[in-house]
PDB file of N, CA and C in Angstrom:
ATOM      1  N   MET A   1     143.596-101.855 -96.606  1.00  0.00           N
ATOM      2  CA  MET A   1     143.313-101.011 -98.142  1.00  0.00           C
ATOM      3  C   MET A   1     142.215-100.085 -98.531  1.00  0.00           C
ATOM      4  N   LYS A   2     141.305-101.511 -98.160  1.00  0.00           N
ATOM      5  CA  LYS A   2     139.746-100.811 -98.186  1.00  0.00           C
ATOM      6  C   LYS A   2     139.605-100.213 -96.883  1.00  0.00           C
ATOM      7  N   HIS A   3     139.885-100.288 -95.797  1.00  0.00           N
ATOM      8  CA  HIS A   3     139.589 -99.178 -94.684  1.00  0.00           C
ATOM      9  C   HIS A   3     140.206 -98.090 -94.867  1.00  0.00           C
ATOM     10  N   LEU A   4     141.289 -97.954 -95.538  1.00  0.00           N
ATOM     11  CA  LEU A   4     142.067 -96.567 -96.012  1.00  0.00           C
ATOM     12  C   LEU A   4     141.051 -95.676 -96.974  1.00  0.00           C
ATOM     13  N   TYR A   5     140.582 -96.293 -97.756  1.00  0.00           N
ATOM     14  CA  TYR A   5     139.821 -95.632 -98.915  1.00  0.00           C
ATOM     15  C   TYR A   5     138.452 -95.357 -98.367  1.00  0.00           C
ATOM     16  N   PHE A   6     137.753 -95.987 -97.279  1.00  0.00           N
ATOM     17  CA  PHE A   6     136.540 -95.645 -96.807  1.00  0.00           C
ATOM     18  C   PHE A   6     136.866 -94.441 -95.934  1.00  0.00           C
ATOM     19  N   LEU A   7     138.020 -94.626 -95.194  1.00  0.00           N
ATOM     20  CA  LEU A   7     138.430 -93.408 -94.250  1.00  0.00           C
ATOM     21  C   LEU A   7     138.652 -92.307 -95.016  1.00  0.00           C
ATOM     22  N   SER A   8     139.311 -92.074 -96.311  1.00  0.00           N
ATOM     23  CA  SER A   8     139.775 -91.043 -96.863  1.00  0.00           C
ATOM     24  C   SER A   8     138.394 -90.327 -97.581  1.00  0.00           C
ATOM     25  N   ILE A   9     137.671 -91.112 -97.993  1.00  0.00           N
ATOM     26  CA  ILE A   9     135.951 -90.666 -98.429  1.00  0.00           C
ATOM     27  C   ILE A   9     135.409 -90.206 -97.232  1.00  0.00           C
ATOM     28  N   ALA A  10     135.369 -90.649 -95.920  1.00  0.00           N
ATOM     29  CA  ALA A  10     134.726 -90.140 -94.831  1.00  0.00           C
ATOM     30  C   ALA A  10     134.969 -88.591 -94.467  1.00  0.00           C
ATOM     31  N   LEU A  11     136.566 -88.548 -94.651  1.00  0.00           N
ATOM     32  CA  LEU A  11     137.065 -87.332 -94.189  1.00  0.00           C
ATOM     33  C   LEU A  11     136.797 -86.171 -95.273  1.00  0.00           C
ATOM     34  N   PHE A  12     136.991 -86.545 -96.497  1.00  0.00           N
ATOM     35  CA  PHE A  12     136.450 -85.619 -97.542  1.00  0.00           C
ATOM     36  C   PHE A  12     135.175 -85.006 -97.403  1.00  0.00           C
ATOM     37  N   SER A  13     134.342 -85.830 -97.116  1.00  0.00           N
ATOM     38  CA  SER A  13     133.075 -85.740 -96.946  1.00  0.00           C
ATOM     39  C   SER A  13     132.718 -84.892 -95.552  1.00  0.00           C
ATOM     40  N   LEU A  14     133.399 -84.906 -94.647  1.00  0.00           N
ATOM     41  CA  LEU A  14     133.245 -84.113 -93.414  1.00  0.00           C
ATOM     42  C   LEU A  14     134.071 -82.640 -93.985  1.00  0.00           C
ATOM     43  N   SER A  15     135.032 -82.796 -94.510  1.00  0.00           N
ATOM     44  CA  SER A  15     135.880 -81.426 -94.835  1.00  0.00           C
ATOM     45  C   SER A  15     134.808 -80.652 -95.841  1.00  0.00           C
ATOM     46  N   ALA A  16     134.066 -81.319 -96.605  1.00  0.00           N
ATOM     47  CA  ALA A  16     133.622 -80.806 -97.536  1.00  0.00           C
ATOM     48  C   ALA A  16     131.820 -79.993 -97.238  1.00  0.00           C
ATOM     49  N   MET A  17     131.696 -80.728 -95.864  1.00  0.00           N
ATOM     50  CA  MET A  17     130.523 -80.165 -95.077  1.00  0.00           C
ATOM     51  C   MET A  17     131.056 -79.115 -94.227  1.00  0.00           C
ATOM     52  N   ALA A  18     131.716 -78.968 -94.114  1.00  0.00           N
ATOM     53  CA  ALA A  18     132.323 -78.138 -92.663  1.00  0.00           C
ATOM     54  C   ALA A  18     132.082 -76.821 -93.179  1.00  0.00           C
ATOM     55  N   GLN A  19     131.753 -76.076 -92.339  1.00  0.00           N
ATOM     56  CA  GLN A  19     131.428 -74.384 -92.262  1.00  0.00           C
ATOM     57  C   GLN A  19     132.311 -73.727 -92.990  1.00  0.00           C
ATOM     58  N   LEU A  20     131.831 -72.688 -93.781  1.00  0.00           N
ATOM     59  CA  LEU A  20     133.132 -71.604 -93.972  1.00  0.00           C
ATOM     60  C   LEU A  20     133.319 -70.545 -93.423  1.00  0.00           C
ATOM     61  N   LYS A  21     134.729 -70.239 -92.750  1.00  0.00           N
ATOM     62  CA  LYS A  21     134.581 -69.075 -91.851  1.00  0.00           C
ATOM     63  C   LYS A  21     135.119 -68.118 -92.173  1.00  0.00           C
ATOM     64  N   ASP A  22     136.154 -68.434 -93.300  1.00  0.00           N
ATOM     65  CA  ASP A  22     136.532 -67.167 -93.980  1.00  0.00           C
ATOM     66  C   ASP A  22     136.711 -67.272 -95.645  1.00  0.00           C
ATOM     67  N   CYS A  23     136.826 -66.575 -96.437  1.00  0.00           N
ATOM     68  CA  CYS A  23     136.998 -66.631 -97.744  1.00  0.00           C
ATOM     69  C   CYS A  23     138.347 -66.668 -98.541  1.00  0.00           C
ATOM     70  N   ALA A  24     139.193 -67.262 -97.785  1.00  0.00           N
ATOM     71  CA  ALA A  24     140.546 -67.388 -98.397  1.00  0.00           C
ATOM     72  C   ALA A  24     140.598 -68.046 -99.742  1.00  0.00           C
ATOM     73  N   THR A  25     139.970 -68.748 -99.810  1.00  0.00           N
ATOM     74  CA  THR A  25     140.034 -69.747-101.283  1.00  0.00           C
ATOM     75  C   THR A  25     138.692 -69.598-101.866  1.00  0.00           C
ATOM     76  N   CYS A  26     137.597 -68.684-101.528  1.00  0.00           N
ATOM     77  CA  CYS A  26     136.414 -68.434-101.894  1.00  0.00           C
ATOM     78  C   CYS A  26     136.468 -67.993-103.859  1.00  0.00           C
ATOM     79  N   SER A  27     137.687 -67.115-104.377  1.00  0.00           N
ATOM     80  CA  SER A  27     137.912 -66.899-105.385  1.00  0.00           C
ATOM     81  C   SER A  27     138.515 -68.323-106.283  1.00  0.00           C
ATOM     82  N   THR A  28     138.795 -69.170-105.865  1.00  0.00           N
ATOM     83  CA  THR A  28     139.050 -70.046-106.559  1.00  0.00           C
ATOM     84  C   THR A  28     138.349 -71.422-106.511  1.00  0.00           C
ATOM     85  N   GLN A  29     137.408 -71.669-105.497  1.00  0.00           N
ATOM     86  CA  GLN A  29     136.751 -72.997-105.256  1.00  0.00           C
ATOM     87  C   GLN A  29     135.097 -72.470-105.198  1.00  0.00           C
ATOM     88  N   VAL A  30     134.266 -73.118-105.482  1.00  0.00           N
ATOM     89  CA  VAL A  30     132.790 -73.128-105.733  1.00  0.00           C
ATOM     90  C   VAL A  30     132.566 -73.364-104.078  1.00  0.00           C
ATOM     91  N   ILE A  31     131.375 -72.549-103.659  1.00  0.00           N
ATOM     92  CA  ILE A  31     131.104 -72.799-102.119  1.00  0.00           C
ATOM     93  C   ILE A  31     129.968 -73.666-102.411  1.00  0.00           C
ATOM     94  N   LYS A  32     129.634 -74.578-101.315  1.00  0.00           N
ATOM     95  CA  LYS A  32     128.427 -75.441-101.552  1.00  0.00           C
ATOM     96  C   LYS A  32     127.530 -74.752-100.406  1.00  0.00           C
ATOM     97  N   GLU A  33     126.395 -75.175-100.669  1.00  0.00           N
ATOM     98  CA  GLU A  33     125.431 -74.736 -99.803  1.00  0.00           C
ATOM     99  C   GLU A  33     125.210 -75.065 -98.248  1.00  0.00           C
ATOM    100  N   GLN A  34     125.736 -76.552 -98.089  1.00  0.00           N
ATOM    101  CA  GLN A  34     126.070 -77.128 -97.199  1.00  0.00           C
ATOM    102  C   GLN A  34     127.041 -76.355 -95.973  1.00  0.00           C
ATOM    103  N   GLN A  35     128.012 -75.717 -97.100  1.00  0.00           N
ATOM    104  CA  GLN A  35     129.041 -75.116 -96.220  1.00  0.00           C
ATOM    105  C   GLN A  35     128.801 -73.852 -95.264  1.00  0.00           C
ATOM    106  N   ILE A  36     127.292 -73.229 -95.885  1.00  0.00           N
ATOM    107  CA  ILE A  36     127.036 -71.830 -95.726  1.00  0.00           C
ATOM    108  C   ILE A  36     125.641 -72.180 -94.641  1.00  0.00           C
ATOM    109  N   SER A  37     125.124 -72.885 -94.819  1.00  0.00           N
ATOM    110  CA  SER A  37     123.366 -73.550 -94.513  1.00  0.00           C
ATOM    111  C   SER A  37     123.348 -73.083 -93.186  1.00  0.00           C
ATOM    112  N   LYS A  38     124.075 -73.179 -92.239  1.00  0.00           N
ATOM    113  CA  LYS A  38     123.986 -72.896 -90.743  1.00  0.00           C
ATOM    114  C   LYS A  38     124.626 -71.710 -90.468  1.00  0.00           C
ATOM    115  N   LEU A  39     125.241 -70.713 -91.169  1.00  0.00           N
ATOM    116  CA  LEU A  39     125.857 -69.812 -90.669  1.00  0.00           C
ATOM    117  C   LEU A  39     124.472 -68.497 -90.676  1.00  0.00           C
ATOM    118  N   SER A  40     124.797 -67.807 -89.632  1.00  0.00           N
ATOM    119  CA  SER A  40     123.962 -66.713 -89.466  1.00  0.00           C
ATOM    120  C   SER A  40     124.012 -65.600 -90.089  1.00  0.00           C
ATOM    121  N   ILE A  41     123.229 -64.618 -90.150  1.00  0.00           N
ATOM    122  CA  ILE A  41     123.150 -63.580 -91.097  1.00  0.00           C
ATOM    123  C   ILE A  41     124.284 -62.881 -90.799  1.00  0.00           C
ATOM    124  N   ASP A  42     124.907 -62.595 -89.992  1.00  0.00           N
ATOM    125  CA  ASP A  42     126.221 -61.632 -89.676  1.00  0.00           C
ATOM    126  C   ASP A  42     127.204 -62.688 -89.974  1.00  0.00           C
ATOM    127  N   GLU A  43     127.470 -63.693 -90.102  1.00  0.00           N
ATOM    128  CA  GLU A  43     128.613 -64.593 -90.502  1.00  0.00           C
ATOM    129  C   GLU A  43     128.593 -64.335 -91.829  1.00  0.00           C
ATOM    130  N   LEU A  44     127.551 -64.486 -92.651  1.00  0.00           N
ATOM    131  CA  LEU A  44     127.404 -64.617 -94.102  1.00  0.00           C
ATOM    132  C   LEU A  44     127.315 -63.105 -94.782  1.00  0.00           C
ATOM    133  N   ARG A  45     127.258 -62.405 -93.979  1.00  0.00           N
ATOM    134  CA  ARG A  45     127.749 -60.481 -94.188  1.00  0.00           C
ATOM    135  C   ARG A  45     129.225 -60.501 -94.164  1.00  0.00           C
ATOM    136  N   PHE A  46     129.872 -61.245 -93.055  1.00  0.00           N
ATOM    137  CA  PHE A  46     131.264 -60.712 -92.954  1.00  0.00           C
ATOM    138  C   PHE A  46     131.743 -61.889 -94.214  1.00  0.00           C
ATOM    139  N   LEU A  47     131.401 -62.861 -94.264  1.00  0.00           N
ATOM    140  CA  LEU A  47     131.864 -63.724 -95.516  1.00  0.00           C
ATOM    141  C   LEU A  47     131.634 -63.376 -96.471  1.00  0.00           C
ATOM    142  N   THR A  48     130.769 -62.442 -97.086  1.00  0.00           N
ATOM    143  CA  THR A  48     130.320 -61.813 -98.338  1.00  0.00           C
ATOM    144  C   THR A  48     131.755 -60.715 -98.345  1.00  0.00           C
ATOM    145  N   ASN A  49     131.443 -59.986 -97.427  1.00  0.00           N
ATOM    146  CA  ASN A  49     132.822 -58.905 -97.402  1.00  0.00           C
ATOM    147  C   ASN A  49     134.154 -59.397 -97.307  1.00  0.00           C
ATOM    148  N   ASP A  50     134.498 -60.271 -96.895  1.00  0.00           N
ATOM    149  CA  ASP A  50     135.450 -60.817 -96.810  1.00  0.00           C
ATOM    150  C   ASP A  50     136.264 -61.032 -98.221  1.00  0.00           C
ATOM    151  N   LEU A  51     135.653 -61.317 -99.273  1.00  0.00           N
ATOM    152  CA  LEU A  51     136.070 -60.997-100.676  1.00  0.00           C
ATOM    153  C   LEU A  51     136.689 -59.797-101.118  1.00  0.00           C
ATOM    154  N   TYR A  52     135.791 -58.639-100.685  1.00  0.00           N
ATOM    155  CA  TYR A  52     136.408 -57.133-100.625  1.00  0.00           C
ATOM    156  C   TYR A  52     137.382 -56.754 -99.749  1.00  0.00           C
ATOM    157  N   ALA A  53     137.692 -57.211 -98.534  1.00  0.00           N
ATOM    158  CA  ALA A  53     138.632 -57.328 -97.702  1.00  0.00           C
ATOM    159  C   ALA A  53     139.671 -57.614 -98.036  1.00  0.00           C
ATOM    160  N   ARG A  54     140.164 -58.896 -98.914  1.00  0.00           N
ATOM    161  CA  ARG A  54     141.193 -59.332 -99.781  1.00  0.00           C
ATOM    162  C   ARG A  54     141.714 -58.652-100.646  1.00  0.00           C
ATOM    163  N   LYS A  55     140.807 -57.801-100.968  1.00  0.00           N
ATOM    164  CA  LYS A  55     141.395 -57.083-102.190  1.00  0.00           C
ATOM    165  C   LYS A  55     141.681 -54.997-101.541  1.00  0.00           C
ATOM    166  N   GLY A  56     141.585 -55.446-100.190  1.00  0.00           N
ATOM    167  CA  GLY A  56     141.973 -53.765 -99.901  1.00  0.00           C
ATOM    168  C   GLY A  56     140.738 -52.939 -99.718  1.00  0.00           C
ATOM    169  N   TYR A  57     139.602 -53.305 -99.525  1.00  0.00           N
ATOM    170  CA  TYR A  57     138.681 -52.451 -99.747  1.00  0.00           C
ATOM    171  C   TYR A  57     138.353 -51.544 -97.930  1.00  0.00           C
ATOM    172  N   LYS A  58     138.105 -50.392 -98.041  1.00  0.00           N
ATOM    173  CA  LYS A  58     138.067 -49.955 -96.936  1.00  0.00           C
ATOM    174  C   LYS A  58     136.352 -49.559 -96.634  1.00  0.00           C
ATOM    175  N   PHE A  59     135.867 -49.986 -95.447  1.00  0.00           N
ATOM    176  CA  PHE A  59     134.554 -50.299 -95.187  1.00  0.00           C
ATOM    177  C   PHE A  59     134.364 -48.906 -94.738  1.00  0.00           C
ATOM    178  N   LYS A  60     132.983 -48.647 -94.854  1.00  0.00           N
ATOM    179  CA  LYS A  60     132.252 -47.326 -94.122  1.00  0.00           C
ATOM    180  C   LYS A  60     131.466 -47.721 -92.833  1.00  0.00           C
ATOM    181  N   ASP A  61     131.225 -49.172 -92.940  1.00  0.00           N
ATOM    182  CA  ASP A  61     130.370 -49.868 -91.721  1.00  0.00           C
ATOM    183  C   ASP A  61     131.489 -50.084 -90.973  1.00  0.00           C
ATOM    184  N   TYR A  62     130.888 -49.461 -89.418  1.00  0.00           N
ATOM    185  CA  TYR A  62     131.842 -49.813 -88.591  1.00  0.00           C
ATOM    186  C   TYR A  62     131.848 -50.855 -87.933  1.00  0.00           C
ATOM    187  N   GLU A  63     131.067 -51.565 -87.798  1.00  0.00           N
ATOM    188  CA  GLU A  63     131.138 -53.348 -87.540  1.00  0.00           C
ATOM    189  C   GLU A  63     132.005 -53.885 -88.294  1.00  0.00           C
ATOM    190  N   ILE A  64     131.551 -53.816 -89.682  1.00  0.00           N
ATOM    191  CA  ILE A  64     132.568 -54.490 -90.711  1.00  0.00           C
ATOM    192  C   ILE A  64     134.247 -53.937 -90.637  1.00  0.00           C
ATOM    193  N   SER A  65     134.339 -53.007 -90.606  1.00  0.00           N
ATOM    194  CA  SER A  65     135.731 -52.270 -90.433  1.00  0.00           C
ATOM    195  C   SER A  65     136.284 -52.728 -89.344  1.00  0.00           C
ATOM    196  N   ASN A  66     135.606 -52.809 -88.346  1.00  0.00           N
ATOM    197  CA  ASN A  66     136.274 -53.356 -87.078  1.00  0.00           C
ATOM    198  C   ASN A  66     136.861 -54.837 -87.095  1.00  0.00           C
ATOM    199  N   TYR A  67     135.762 -55.680 -87.742  1.00  0.00           N
ATOM    200  CA  TYR A  67     136.069 -57.017 -87.481  1.00  0.00           C
ATOM    201  C   TYR A  67     137.140 -57.295 -88.378  1.00  0.00           C
ATOM    202  N   PHE A  68     137.037 -56.583 -89.659  1.00  0.00           N
ATOM    203  CA  PHE A  68     138.371 -57.167 -90.647  1.00  0.00           C
ATOM    204  C   PHE A  68     139.865 -56.253 -90.089  1.00  0.00           C
ATOM    205  N   ASN A  69     139.700 -55.316 -89.543  1.00  0.00           N
ATOM    206  CA  ASN A  69     140.818 -54.493 -88.647  1.00  0.00           C
ATOM    207  C   ASN A  69     141.586 -55.435 -87.905  1.00  0.00           C
ATOM    208  N   GLU A  70     140.883 -56.487 -87.134  1.00  0.00           N
ATOM    209  CA  GLU A  70     141.415 -57.586 -86.455  1.00  0.00           C
ATOM    210  C   GLU A  70     142.281 -58.755 -86.665  1.00  0.00           C
ATOM    211  N   LYS A  71     141.875 -58.535 -88.303  1.00  0.00           N
ATOM    212  CA  LYS A  71     142.367 -59.716 -89.394  1.00  0.00           C
ATOM    213  C   LYS A  71     144.085 -59.358 -89.472  1.00  0.00           C
ATOM    214  N   PRO A  72     144.861 -60.109 -89.496  1.00  0.00           N
ATOM    215  CA  PRO A  72     146.362 -60.039 -89.590  1.00  0.00           C
ATOM    216  C   PRO A  72     146.455 -59.329 -91.037  1.00  0.00           C
ATOM    217  N   TRP A  73     145.879 -60.164 -92.036  1.00  0.00           N
ATOM    218  CA  TRP A  73     146.130 -60.067 -93.681  1.00  0.00           C
ATOM    219  C   TRP A  73     145.395 -58.668 -94.244  1.00  0.00           C
ATOM    220  N   TYR A  74     144.534 -58.145 -93.275  1.00  0.00           N
ATOM    221  CA  TYR A  74     143.625 -57.145 -94.186  1.00  0.00           C
ATOM    222  C   TYR A  74     144.450 -55.824 -94.014  1.00  0.00           C
ATOM    223  N   LYS A  75     144.751 -55.354 -95.119  1.00  0.00           N
ATOM    224  CA  LYS A  75     145.660 -54.297 -95.572  1.00  0.00           C
ATOM    225  C   LYS A  75     144.378 -53.184 -96.286  1.00  0.00           C
ATOM    226  N   PRO A  76     143.969 -52.270 -95.542  1.00  0.00           N
ATOM    227  CA  PRO A  76     142.813 -51.323 -96.557  1.00  0.00           C
ATOM    228  C   PRO A  76     143.807 -50.302 -97.287  1.00  0.00           C
ATOM    229  N   VAL A  77     143.396 -50.345 -98.702  1.00  0.00           N
ATOM    230  CA  VAL A  77     144.274 -49.629 -99.365  1.00  0.00           C
ATOM    231  C   VAL A  77     143.218 -48.564-100.084  1.00  0.00           C
ATOM    232  N   SER A  78     141.898 -49.016-100.291  1.00  0.00           N
ATOM    233  CA  SER A  78     140.994 -47.891-101.399  1.00  0.00           C
ATOM    234  C   SER A  78     139.612 -47.932-100.629  1.00  0.00           C
ATOM    235  N   ASP A  79     138.584 -47.226-101.004  1.00  0.00           N
ATOM    236  CA  ASP A  79     137.282 -47.274-100.853  1.00  0.00           C
ATOM    237  C   ASP A  79     136.538 -47.853-101.935  1.00  0.00           C
TER     238      ASP A  79
END
């Protein structure tokens, strides 16, 4: 039982420190610095715009638009 407890704590710590790759839960959870500290500027830019993309924002920036157009959940609806 003791080993199971320590294993669950270790797994929770690893998942909390995992890098954030999309913002599916960003509107309901606090993002910790450890989750984004190793992301590149471009990754941070996409992550920030992920919130807008999930609301259907149409991007004017070609690179961001192409990035989100490849996502199966992205449905642009407004500017």
